[in-house]
N, C-alpha and C. Protein backbone atom coordinates (compact mmCIF):
# COMPACT_ATOMS: atom_id res chain seq x y z
N MET A 1 -28.77 -92.05 122.70
CA MET A 1 -29.58 -91.01 123.28
C MET A 1 -28.87 -89.65 123.17
N ALA A 2 -27.59 -89.62 123.51
CA ALA A 2 -26.84 -88.37 123.43
C ALA A 2 -26.74 -87.91 121.98
N ALA A 3 -26.61 -88.86 121.03
CA ALA A 3 -26.51 -88.51 119.62
C ALA A 3 -27.81 -87.87 119.14
N ASN A 4 -28.95 -88.41 119.55
CA ASN A 4 -30.23 -87.81 119.20
C ASN A 4 -30.37 -86.41 119.76
N SER A 5 -29.91 -86.23 121.00
CA SER A 5 -29.97 -84.90 121.61
C SER A 5 -29.12 -83.91 120.84
N LEU A 6 -27.92 -84.35 120.43
CA LEU A 6 -27.04 -83.46 119.67
C LEU A 6 -27.64 -83.12 118.30
N ARG A 7 -28.31 -84.11 117.65
CA ARG A 7 -28.95 -83.83 116.36
C ARG A 7 -30.05 -82.79 116.54
N ARG A 8 -30.83 -82.95 117.65
CA ARG A 8 -31.90 -81.98 117.92
C ARG A 8 -31.32 -80.59 118.15
N ILE A 9 -30.22 -80.54 118.91
CA ILE A 9 -29.58 -79.25 119.17
C ILE A 9 -29.07 -78.65 117.85
N ALA A 10 -28.43 -79.48 117.03
CA ALA A 10 -27.86 -79.01 115.77
C ALA A 10 -28.94 -78.53 114.81
N SER A 11 -30.13 -79.15 114.85
CA SER A 11 -31.18 -78.75 113.93
C SER A 11 -31.89 -77.48 114.41
N ASN A 12 -31.71 -77.12 115.65
CA ASN A 12 -32.32 -75.91 116.20
C ASN A 12 -31.68 -74.69 115.53
N ASP A 13 -32.51 -73.66 115.27
CA ASP A 13 -32.02 -72.45 114.61
C ASP A 13 -30.89 -71.78 115.39
N LEU A 14 -30.86 -71.95 116.71
CA LEU A 14 -29.83 -71.30 117.51
C LEU A 14 -28.45 -71.92 117.28
N PHE A 15 -28.42 -73.16 116.79
CA PHE A 15 -27.17 -73.88 116.65
C PHE A 15 -26.87 -74.19 115.18
N ARG A 16 -27.05 -73.25 114.30
CA ARG A 16 -26.80 -73.48 112.87
C ARG A 16 -25.31 -73.47 112.55
N SER A 17 -24.54 -72.74 113.27
CA SER A 17 -23.12 -72.67 112.92
C SER A 17 -22.36 -73.83 113.58
N ARG A 18 -21.29 -74.20 112.91
CA ARG A 18 -20.46 -75.30 113.42
C ARG A 18 -19.87 -74.94 114.79
N ALA A 19 -19.48 -73.70 115.00
CA ALA A 19 -18.90 -73.27 116.27
C ALA A 19 -19.92 -73.42 117.40
N SER A 20 -21.16 -73.10 117.13
CA SER A 20 -22.20 -73.25 118.15
C SER A 20 -22.39 -74.71 118.53
N VAL A 21 -22.37 -75.59 117.53
CA VAL A 21 -22.52 -77.02 117.80
C VAL A 21 -21.33 -77.52 118.63
N LEU A 22 -20.12 -77.07 118.29
CA LEU A 22 -18.94 -77.49 119.03
C LEU A 22 -19.01 -77.01 120.48
N ARG A 23 -19.51 -75.79 120.71
CA ARG A 23 -19.67 -75.28 122.07
C ARG A 23 -20.65 -76.15 122.85
N ALA A 24 -21.72 -76.56 122.19
CA ALA A 24 -22.73 -77.40 122.85
C ALA A 24 -22.13 -78.76 123.20
N VAL A 25 -21.31 -79.32 122.29
CA VAL A 25 -20.68 -80.61 122.55
C VAL A 25 -19.71 -80.50 123.72
N ARG A 26 -18.92 -79.41 123.77
CA ARG A 26 -17.98 -79.20 124.88
C ARG A 26 -18.73 -79.09 126.20
N ALA A 27 -19.83 -78.34 126.21
CA ALA A 27 -20.62 -78.18 127.43
C ALA A 27 -21.15 -79.54 127.90
N LEU A 28 -21.64 -80.33 126.96
CA LEU A 28 -22.14 -81.66 127.29
C LEU A 28 -21.00 -82.52 127.80
N GLY A 29 -19.83 -82.40 127.20
CA GLY A 29 -18.66 -83.16 127.64
C GLY A 29 -18.26 -82.78 129.05
N GLN A 30 -18.32 -81.50 129.39
CA GLN A 30 -17.99 -81.07 130.75
C GLN A 30 -18.99 -81.64 131.74
N TRP A 31 -20.27 -81.65 131.38
CA TRP A 31 -21.28 -82.20 132.27
C TRP A 31 -21.03 -83.68 132.50
N VAL A 32 -20.73 -84.41 131.42
CA VAL A 32 -20.44 -85.84 131.53
C VAL A 32 -19.18 -86.04 132.38
N GLY A 33 -18.17 -85.20 132.18
CA GLY A 33 -16.94 -85.30 132.98
C GLY A 33 -17.23 -85.12 134.46
N CYS A 34 -18.07 -84.17 134.80
CA CYS A 34 -18.45 -83.96 136.21
C CYS A 34 -19.19 -85.18 136.76
N ALA A 35 -20.07 -85.75 135.95
CA ALA A 35 -20.82 -86.94 136.38
C ALA A 35 -19.88 -88.11 136.61
N VAL A 36 -18.89 -88.28 135.74
CA VAL A 36 -17.92 -89.38 135.89
C VAL A 36 -17.07 -89.14 137.13
N LEU A 37 -16.62 -87.92 137.37
CA LEU A 37 -15.83 -87.59 138.55
C LEU A 37 -16.63 -87.86 139.81
N GLY A 38 -17.88 -87.43 139.84
CA GLY A 38 -18.74 -87.69 141.00
C GLY A 38 -18.90 -89.17 141.26
N ALA A 39 -19.09 -89.93 140.22
CA ALA A 39 -19.22 -91.39 140.37
C ALA A 39 -17.93 -91.99 140.89
N ALA A 40 -16.79 -91.48 140.44
CA ALA A 40 -15.50 -92.00 140.90
C ALA A 40 -15.30 -91.76 142.38
N ILE A 41 -15.87 -90.68 142.90
CA ILE A 41 -15.75 -90.38 144.32
C ILE A 41 -16.72 -91.24 145.14
N ILE A 42 -17.91 -91.43 144.67
CA ILE A 42 -18.95 -92.13 145.42
C ILE A 42 -18.83 -93.64 145.31
N VAL A 43 -18.50 -94.16 144.16
CA VAL A 43 -18.55 -95.59 143.90
C VAL A 43 -17.57 -96.43 144.72
N PRO A 44 -16.36 -95.98 145.08
CA PRO A 44 -15.47 -96.86 145.83
C PRO A 44 -16.08 -97.45 147.10
N GLY A 45 -16.83 -96.66 147.84
CA GLY A 45 -17.51 -97.20 149.03
C GLY A 45 -18.49 -98.28 148.65
N PHE A 46 -19.23 -98.07 147.55
CA PHE A 46 -20.17 -99.08 147.08
C PHE A 46 -19.44 -100.31 146.58
N ALA A 47 -18.30 -100.10 145.91
CA ALA A 47 -17.58 -101.21 145.30
C ALA A 47 -17.11 -102.22 146.35
N GLN A 48 -16.72 -101.74 147.52
CA GLN A 48 -16.22 -102.65 148.54
C GLN A 48 -17.36 -103.37 149.26
N THR A 49 -18.43 -102.65 149.61
CA THR A 49 -19.47 -103.27 150.43
C THR A 49 -20.88 -103.10 149.87
N GLY A 50 -21.03 -102.28 148.85
CA GLY A 50 -22.36 -102.01 148.33
C GLY A 50 -23.09 -100.95 149.13
N HIS A 51 -22.37 -100.23 150.01
CA HIS A 51 -22.99 -99.20 150.85
C HIS A 51 -22.23 -97.89 150.69
N PRO A 52 -22.94 -96.75 150.83
CA PRO A 52 -22.36 -95.45 150.51
C PRO A 52 -21.08 -95.11 151.25
N ASN A 53 -20.92 -95.44 152.53
CA ASN A 53 -19.68 -95.09 153.20
C ASN A 53 -18.91 -96.33 153.64
N GLY A 54 -19.11 -97.43 152.90
CA GLY A 54 -18.32 -98.62 153.11
C GLY A 54 -18.78 -99.53 154.23
N VAL A 55 -19.87 -99.18 154.92
CA VAL A 55 -20.33 -99.97 156.06
C VAL A 55 -21.84 -100.19 155.93
N PRO A 56 -22.29 -101.45 155.98
CA PRO A 56 -23.73 -101.70 155.94
C PRO A 56 -24.43 -101.04 157.13
N ARG A 57 -25.68 -100.69 156.94
CA ARG A 57 -26.44 -99.98 157.97
C ARG A 57 -26.42 -100.71 159.32
N SER A 58 -26.62 -102.03 159.32
CA SER A 58 -26.64 -102.78 160.58
C SER A 58 -25.28 -102.72 161.27
N GLN A 59 -24.20 -102.73 160.49
CA GLN A 59 -22.85 -102.64 161.05
C GLN A 59 -22.60 -101.25 161.62
N ARG A 60 -23.07 -100.21 160.91
CA ARG A 60 -22.93 -98.84 161.42
C ARG A 60 -23.64 -98.71 162.76
N HIS A 61 -24.83 -99.30 162.87
CA HIS A 61 -25.59 -99.25 164.13
C HIS A 61 -24.79 -99.92 165.25
N GLU A 62 -24.20 -101.09 164.96
CA GLU A 62 -23.39 -101.80 165.95
C GLU A 62 -22.17 -100.96 166.34
N TYR A 63 -21.50 -100.37 165.35
CA TYR A 63 -20.33 -99.54 165.63
C TYR A 63 -20.71 -98.33 166.48
N ARG A 64 -21.85 -97.70 166.18
CA ARG A 64 -22.29 -96.55 166.98
C ARG A 64 -22.50 -96.96 168.44
N HIS A 65 -23.07 -98.13 168.63
CA HIS A 65 -23.29 -98.64 169.98
C HIS A 65 -21.94 -98.86 170.69
N GLU A 66 -20.98 -99.45 169.99
CA GLU A 66 -19.65 -99.67 170.56
C GLU A 66 -19.00 -98.33 170.94
N ILE A 67 -19.12 -97.35 170.06
CA ILE A 67 -18.52 -96.04 170.32
C ILE A 67 -19.20 -95.38 171.53
N ALA A 68 -20.52 -95.49 171.63
CA ALA A 68 -21.24 -94.92 172.78
C ALA A 68 -20.72 -95.54 174.09
N GLN A 69 -20.45 -96.84 174.09
CA GLN A 69 -19.90 -97.50 175.27
C GLN A 69 -18.49 -96.99 175.56
N LEU A 70 -17.69 -96.80 174.54
CA LEU A 70 -16.34 -96.28 174.73
C LEU A 70 -16.36 -94.84 175.23
N GLU A 71 -17.31 -94.05 174.75
CA GLU A 71 -17.44 -92.68 175.24
C GLU A 71 -17.77 -92.67 176.73
N GLU A 72 -18.61 -93.58 177.16
CA GLU A 72 -18.93 -93.69 178.59
C GLU A 72 -17.71 -94.17 179.38
N ALA A 73 -16.94 -95.10 178.82
CA ALA A 73 -15.71 -95.57 179.47
C ALA A 73 -14.72 -94.42 179.61
N TRP A 74 -14.62 -93.58 178.57
CA TRP A 74 -13.74 -92.40 178.63
C TRP A 74 -14.20 -91.47 179.74
N ARG A 75 -15.52 -91.20 179.79
CA ARG A 75 -16.08 -90.31 180.81
C ARG A 75 -15.76 -90.83 182.21
N GLU A 76 -15.98 -92.13 182.43
CA GLU A 76 -15.70 -92.73 183.74
C GLU A 76 -14.21 -92.66 184.07
N ALA A 77 -13.35 -92.91 183.10
CA ALA A 77 -11.91 -92.84 183.33
C ALA A 77 -11.50 -91.44 183.77
N ILE A 78 -12.06 -90.42 183.15
CA ILE A 78 -11.73 -89.04 183.50
C ILE A 78 -12.24 -88.72 184.90
N LEU A 79 -13.50 -89.06 185.20
CA LEU A 79 -14.09 -88.75 186.51
C LEU A 79 -13.39 -89.49 187.65
N LYS A 80 -12.93 -90.71 187.39
CA LYS A 80 -12.29 -91.52 188.43
C LYS A 80 -10.77 -91.41 188.41
N SER A 81 -10.24 -90.56 187.54
CA SER A 81 -8.79 -90.41 187.36
C SER A 81 -8.13 -91.77 187.14
N ASP A 82 -8.76 -92.59 186.30
CA ASP A 82 -8.29 -93.94 186.01
C ASP A 82 -7.37 -93.91 184.78
N SER A 83 -6.09 -93.70 185.02
CA SER A 83 -5.13 -93.57 183.92
C SER A 83 -4.95 -94.88 183.16
N ALA A 84 -5.11 -96.03 183.83
CA ALA A 84 -4.98 -97.32 183.14
C ALA A 84 -6.12 -97.49 182.13
N ALA A 85 -7.34 -97.10 182.50
CA ALA A 85 -8.47 -97.18 181.57
C ALA A 85 -8.27 -96.23 180.39
N LEU A 86 -7.77 -95.02 180.68
CA LEU A 86 -7.53 -94.06 179.61
C LEU A 86 -6.45 -94.59 178.65
N ASP A 87 -5.43 -95.22 179.20
CA ASP A 87 -4.36 -95.80 178.39
C ASP A 87 -4.90 -96.81 177.38
N LYS A 88 -5.89 -97.61 177.78
CA LYS A 88 -6.49 -98.61 176.89
C LYS A 88 -7.33 -97.97 175.79
N LEU A 89 -7.88 -96.80 176.07
CA LEU A 89 -8.75 -96.13 175.09
C LEU A 89 -7.99 -95.36 174.02
N LEU A 90 -6.83 -94.82 174.38
CA LEU A 90 -6.08 -93.95 173.47
C LEU A 90 -5.14 -94.74 172.58
N ALA A 91 -5.07 -94.35 171.31
CA ALA A 91 -4.09 -94.93 170.38
C ALA A 91 -2.71 -94.42 170.76
N ASP A 92 -1.69 -95.16 170.39
CA ASP A 92 -0.32 -94.74 170.72
C ASP A 92 0.03 -93.40 170.10
N ASP A 93 -0.54 -93.10 168.92
CA ASP A 93 -0.24 -91.83 168.24
C ASP A 93 -1.31 -90.77 168.50
N TYR A 94 -2.05 -90.91 169.58
CA TYR A 94 -3.11 -89.97 169.96
C TYR A 94 -2.57 -88.54 170.02
N THR A 95 -3.40 -87.61 169.52
CA THR A 95 -3.11 -86.18 169.64
C THR A 95 -4.37 -85.48 170.10
N GLY A 96 -4.26 -84.77 171.20
CA GLY A 96 -5.38 -83.97 171.69
C GLY A 96 -5.05 -82.50 171.57
N ILE A 97 -6.09 -81.70 171.37
CA ILE A 97 -5.92 -80.25 171.36
C ILE A 97 -6.88 -79.70 172.40
N THR A 98 -6.32 -79.08 173.42
CA THR A 98 -7.12 -78.59 174.53
C THR A 98 -7.91 -77.35 174.13
N ALA A 99 -8.81 -76.94 175.00
CA ALA A 99 -9.62 -75.75 174.74
C ALA A 99 -8.75 -74.49 174.67
N LYS A 100 -7.55 -74.54 175.23
CA LYS A 100 -6.63 -73.40 175.17
C LYS A 100 -5.66 -73.52 173.99
N GLY A 101 -5.83 -74.57 173.17
CA GLY A 101 -5.01 -74.72 171.97
C GLY A 101 -3.72 -75.49 172.16
N ALA A 102 -3.49 -76.04 173.34
CA ALA A 102 -2.26 -76.81 173.58
C ALA A 102 -2.41 -78.21 172.99
N ILE A 103 -1.32 -78.71 172.43
CA ILE A 103 -1.29 -80.06 171.89
C ILE A 103 -0.86 -81.01 173.01
N GLN A 104 -1.54 -82.17 173.06
CA GLN A 104 -1.29 -83.14 174.13
C GLN A 104 -1.14 -84.54 173.52
N THR A 105 -0.07 -85.23 173.88
CA THR A 105 0.16 -86.60 173.42
C THR A 105 -0.55 -87.58 174.36
N LYS A 106 -0.52 -88.85 174.01
CA LYS A 106 -1.10 -89.88 174.87
C LYS A 106 -0.42 -89.87 176.24
N ASP A 107 0.91 -89.85 176.25
CA ASP A 107 1.65 -89.86 177.51
C ASP A 107 1.30 -88.65 178.38
N GLN A 108 1.16 -87.49 177.77
CA GLN A 108 0.82 -86.29 178.52
C GLN A 108 -0.59 -86.37 179.08
N ALA A 109 -1.53 -86.90 178.30
CA ALA A 109 -2.91 -87.04 178.77
C ALA A 109 -2.98 -87.98 179.97
N ILE A 110 -2.27 -89.10 179.89
CA ILE A 110 -2.26 -90.07 180.98
C ILE A 110 -1.58 -89.48 182.22
N GLU A 111 -0.48 -88.79 182.02
CA GLU A 111 0.24 -88.18 183.15
C GLU A 111 -0.61 -87.11 183.82
N SER A 112 -1.37 -86.34 183.04
CA SER A 112 -2.25 -85.32 183.59
C SER A 112 -3.28 -85.93 184.53
N LEU A 113 -3.76 -87.10 184.19
CA LEU A 113 -4.73 -87.81 185.03
C LEU A 113 -4.04 -88.43 186.25
N LYS A 114 -2.90 -89.09 186.01
CA LYS A 114 -2.15 -89.74 187.10
C LYS A 114 -1.72 -88.76 188.18
N SER A 115 -1.20 -87.63 187.76
CA SER A 115 -0.65 -86.64 188.69
C SER A 115 -1.72 -85.85 189.43
N GLY A 116 -2.93 -85.93 188.95
CA GLY A 116 -4.01 -85.15 189.57
C GLY A 116 -4.10 -83.74 189.01
N ALA A 117 -3.31 -83.44 187.97
CA ALA A 117 -3.37 -82.11 187.36
C ALA A 117 -4.77 -81.86 186.79
N LEU A 118 -5.39 -82.92 186.27
CA LEU A 118 -6.76 -82.82 185.77
C LEU A 118 -7.67 -83.56 186.73
N GLN A 119 -8.62 -82.83 187.32
CA GLN A 119 -9.58 -83.43 188.24
C GLN A 119 -10.96 -82.88 187.92
N LEU A 120 -11.84 -83.75 187.44
CA LEU A 120 -13.21 -83.34 187.15
C LEU A 120 -14.15 -84.00 188.14
N THR A 121 -15.08 -83.22 188.67
CA THR A 121 -16.08 -83.76 189.59
C THR A 121 -17.42 -83.94 188.91
N VAL A 122 -17.67 -83.17 187.86
CA VAL A 122 -18.90 -83.29 187.07
C VAL A 122 -18.50 -83.30 185.60
N LEU A 123 -19.06 -84.25 184.87
CA LEU A 123 -18.83 -84.34 183.42
C LEU A 123 -20.09 -84.91 182.78
N GLU A 124 -20.97 -84.01 182.36
CA GLU A 124 -22.21 -84.41 181.71
C GLU A 124 -22.06 -84.24 180.21
N ILE A 125 -22.44 -85.28 179.47
CA ILE A 125 -22.33 -85.25 178.02
C ILE A 125 -23.72 -85.07 177.42
N LEU A 126 -23.85 -84.09 176.54
CA LEU A 126 -25.12 -83.77 175.90
C LEU A 126 -24.95 -83.72 174.38
N ASP A 127 -26.04 -83.89 173.67
CA ASP A 127 -26.05 -83.68 172.22
C ASP A 127 -24.97 -84.48 171.49
N ARG A 128 -24.79 -85.75 171.87
CA ARG A 128 -23.76 -86.58 171.25
C ARG A 128 -24.24 -87.09 169.88
N LYS A 129 -23.37 -86.99 168.90
CA LYS A 129 -23.63 -87.53 167.56
C LYS A 129 -22.43 -88.38 167.16
N VAL A 130 -22.70 -89.59 166.68
CA VAL A 130 -21.65 -90.50 166.23
C VAL A 130 -21.87 -90.77 164.76
N ARG A 131 -20.84 -90.51 163.95
CA ARG A 131 -20.91 -90.81 162.51
C ARG A 131 -19.79 -91.79 162.20
N VAL A 132 -20.14 -92.82 161.43
CA VAL A 132 -19.19 -93.87 161.10
C VAL A 132 -18.87 -93.81 159.62
N TYR A 133 -17.57 -93.84 159.31
CA TYR A 133 -17.07 -93.84 157.94
C TYR A 133 -16.08 -94.98 157.80
N GLY A 134 -16.57 -96.16 157.48
CA GLY A 134 -15.69 -97.32 157.37
C GLY A 134 -15.09 -97.66 158.72
N ALA A 135 -13.76 -97.60 158.83
CA ALA A 135 -13.06 -97.93 160.07
C ALA A 135 -12.77 -96.69 160.91
N THR A 136 -13.49 -95.60 160.64
CA THR A 136 -13.32 -94.35 161.37
C THR A 136 -14.66 -93.90 161.91
N ALA A 137 -14.67 -93.41 163.15
CA ALA A 137 -15.89 -92.86 163.74
C ALA A 137 -15.57 -91.47 164.28
N VAL A 138 -16.48 -90.54 164.03
CA VAL A 138 -16.33 -89.16 164.51
C VAL A 138 -17.45 -88.88 165.49
N VAL A 139 -17.07 -88.43 166.69
CA VAL A 139 -18.04 -88.11 167.73
C VAL A 139 -17.99 -86.60 167.97
N THR A 140 -19.16 -85.97 167.92
CA THR A 140 -19.26 -84.57 168.31
C THR A 140 -20.24 -84.51 169.47
N SER A 141 -19.98 -83.61 170.40
CA SER A 141 -20.82 -83.55 171.58
C SER A 141 -20.60 -82.24 172.31
N MET A 142 -21.41 -82.06 173.35
CA MET A 142 -21.23 -80.95 174.26
C MET A 142 -21.01 -81.54 175.64
N ALA A 143 -20.09 -80.98 176.39
CA ALA A 143 -19.81 -81.45 177.75
C ALA A 143 -19.98 -80.27 178.70
N GLU A 144 -20.71 -80.52 179.77
CA GLU A 144 -20.79 -79.56 180.87
C GLU A 144 -19.94 -80.14 181.99
N LEU A 145 -18.95 -79.37 182.42
CA LEU A 145 -18.04 -79.93 183.41
C LEU A 145 -17.71 -78.96 184.53
N THR A 146 -17.30 -79.57 185.63
CA THR A 146 -16.83 -78.84 186.80
C THR A 146 -15.58 -79.55 187.27
N GLY A 147 -14.54 -78.79 187.53
CA GLY A 147 -13.30 -79.39 188.01
C GLY A 147 -12.16 -78.40 187.93
N SER A 148 -10.95 -78.95 187.85
CA SER A 148 -9.78 -78.07 187.76
C SER A 148 -8.69 -78.76 186.94
N LYS A 149 -7.83 -77.93 186.40
CA LYS A 149 -6.64 -78.41 185.69
C LYS A 149 -5.48 -77.57 186.15
N SER A 150 -4.48 -78.23 186.71
CA SER A 150 -3.30 -77.54 187.26
C SER A 150 -3.73 -76.45 188.23
N ASP A 151 -4.64 -76.78 189.11
CA ASP A 151 -5.16 -75.89 190.16
C ASP A 151 -5.89 -74.66 189.63
N GLU A 152 -6.27 -74.68 188.37
CA GLU A 152 -7.05 -73.60 187.79
C GLU A 152 -8.47 -74.12 187.56
N GLU A 153 -9.47 -73.39 188.06
CA GLU A 153 -10.85 -73.84 187.93
C GLU A 153 -11.21 -74.01 186.46
N MET A 154 -11.93 -75.09 186.20
CA MET A 154 -12.31 -75.42 184.83
C MET A 154 -13.79 -75.79 184.85
N THR A 155 -14.65 -74.79 184.81
CA THR A 155 -16.09 -75.02 184.84
C THR A 155 -16.70 -74.38 183.62
N GLY A 156 -17.62 -75.08 182.99
CA GLY A 156 -18.29 -74.49 181.84
C GLY A 156 -18.77 -75.53 180.86
N ARG A 157 -19.15 -75.03 179.71
CA ARG A 157 -19.65 -75.89 178.63
C ARG A 157 -18.63 -75.87 177.50
N TYR A 158 -18.40 -77.05 176.94
CA TYR A 158 -17.41 -77.22 175.89
C TYR A 158 -18.03 -78.05 174.76
N ARG A 159 -17.64 -77.76 173.54
CA ARG A 159 -17.96 -78.61 172.39
C ARG A 159 -16.68 -79.39 172.10
N TYR A 160 -16.85 -80.64 171.72
CA TYR A 160 -15.66 -81.39 171.38
C TYR A 160 -15.90 -82.32 170.21
N THR A 161 -14.80 -82.70 169.59
CA THR A 161 -14.79 -83.70 168.53
C THR A 161 -13.75 -84.74 168.93
N ARG A 162 -14.16 -85.99 168.88
CA ARG A 162 -13.25 -87.09 169.16
C ARG A 162 -13.29 -88.03 167.97
N VAL A 163 -12.13 -88.50 167.53
CA VAL A 163 -12.04 -89.38 166.37
C VAL A 163 -11.51 -90.74 166.83
N TYR A 164 -12.23 -91.79 166.44
CA TYR A 164 -11.84 -93.16 166.72
C TYR A 164 -11.46 -93.84 165.41
N VAL A 165 -10.49 -94.74 165.47
CA VAL A 165 -10.13 -95.57 164.34
C VAL A 165 -10.14 -97.03 164.81
N ARG A 166 -10.72 -97.88 163.99
CA ARG A 166 -10.77 -99.32 164.30
C ARG A 166 -9.48 -99.95 163.80
N ASN A 167 -8.70 -100.51 164.71
CA ASN A 167 -7.40 -101.08 164.34
C ASN A 167 -7.58 -102.48 163.73
N PRO A 168 -6.51 -103.07 163.19
CA PRO A 168 -6.62 -104.39 162.55
C PRO A 168 -7.13 -105.49 163.49
N GLN A 169 -6.99 -105.31 164.80
CA GLN A 169 -7.49 -106.29 165.77
C GLN A 169 -8.98 -106.08 166.06
N GLY A 170 -9.59 -105.08 165.43
CA GLY A 170 -11.01 -104.83 165.61
C GLY A 170 -11.34 -103.96 166.81
N GLN A 171 -10.33 -103.31 167.41
CA GLN A 171 -10.54 -102.45 168.56
C GLN A 171 -10.60 -100.99 168.12
N TRP A 172 -11.55 -100.26 168.68
CA TRP A 172 -11.64 -98.83 168.43
C TRP A 172 -10.68 -98.12 169.37
N LYS A 173 -9.89 -97.20 168.83
CA LYS A 173 -8.95 -96.40 169.62
C LYS A 173 -9.16 -94.92 169.31
N ILE A 174 -9.04 -94.10 170.33
CA ILE A 174 -9.15 -92.65 170.14
C ILE A 174 -7.83 -92.15 169.56
N VAL A 175 -7.89 -91.52 168.40
CA VAL A 175 -6.68 -91.01 167.76
C VAL A 175 -6.57 -89.49 167.84
N SER A 176 -7.72 -88.83 168.06
CA SER A 176 -7.70 -87.37 168.08
C SER A 176 -8.85 -86.84 168.93
N PHE A 177 -8.60 -85.69 169.53
CA PHE A 177 -9.60 -85.01 170.37
C PHE A 177 -9.34 -83.52 170.27
N GLU A 178 -10.41 -82.76 170.17
CA GLU A 178 -10.27 -81.30 170.20
C GLU A 178 -11.46 -80.72 170.94
N ALA A 179 -11.19 -79.79 171.84
CA ALA A 179 -12.24 -79.16 172.64
C ALA A 179 -12.23 -77.65 172.42
N SER A 180 -13.42 -77.06 172.47
CA SER A 180 -13.57 -75.60 172.39
C SER A 180 -14.57 -75.17 173.45
N ARG A 181 -14.21 -74.18 174.21
CA ARG A 181 -15.12 -73.67 175.24
C ARG A 181 -16.24 -72.89 174.57
N ILE A 182 -17.46 -73.12 175.03
CA ILE A 182 -18.61 -72.37 174.53
C ILE A 182 -18.66 -71.05 175.29
N GLN A 183 -18.60 -69.97 174.56
CA GLN A 183 -18.62 -68.65 175.18
C GLN A 183 -20.04 -68.31 175.62
N GLU A 184 -20.20 -68.05 176.90
CA GLU A 184 -21.50 -67.65 177.44
C GLU A 184 -21.70 -66.17 177.10
N SER A 185 -22.95 -65.73 177.08
CA SER A 185 -23.23 -64.35 176.70
C SER A 185 -22.53 -63.35 177.60
N ALA A 186 -22.36 -63.65 178.89
CA ALA A 186 -21.66 -62.75 179.80
C ALA A 186 -20.19 -62.66 179.45
N ASP A 187 -19.62 -63.74 178.86
CA ASP A 187 -18.21 -63.75 178.47
C ASP A 187 -17.94 -62.83 177.29
N HIS A 188 -18.98 -62.49 176.53
CA HIS A 188 -18.81 -61.63 175.34
C HIS A 188 -18.71 -60.16 175.68
N LYS A 189 -19.07 -59.79 176.88
CA LYS A 189 -19.09 -58.36 177.26
C LYS A 189 -17.72 -57.82 177.50
């Protein structure tokens, strides 16, 4: 098929010179190269499971359900200052980034809850989206909260991203969290 296309191009008056034909072949080669590169990126997920991101649709649905339950467990742990529950949810190498840009380890997050430095009385989760990529799940959401951290009032709306990884034992663990405060229009003045 490609050979017939090249013959048609070569027979066209625009491509009478050998240099023009070579340019056309190079352009076609670049297009084919891009197609091969694209396939190399997309196909590995298909090669393992036959599905675009490595997980069959029914499994992704089950994983999303599991993550939604874990998100609720996280919410309850924060509201009840349950450091033992939070400890079970966080991976040992967990890294959080607070709305003020501070980095927080698993031990620091648990200590913040244990010591009472973080106390939330309201934590409503809105606009939650869960995306699953093989053994990784990314949660984005908005949280409306009321409470305090280190005796400083912490009320407002925040956007956050939380990343879960499914470990070899089949348990989802939170490996990363980042929060950003949503600036209200009055805050912009």
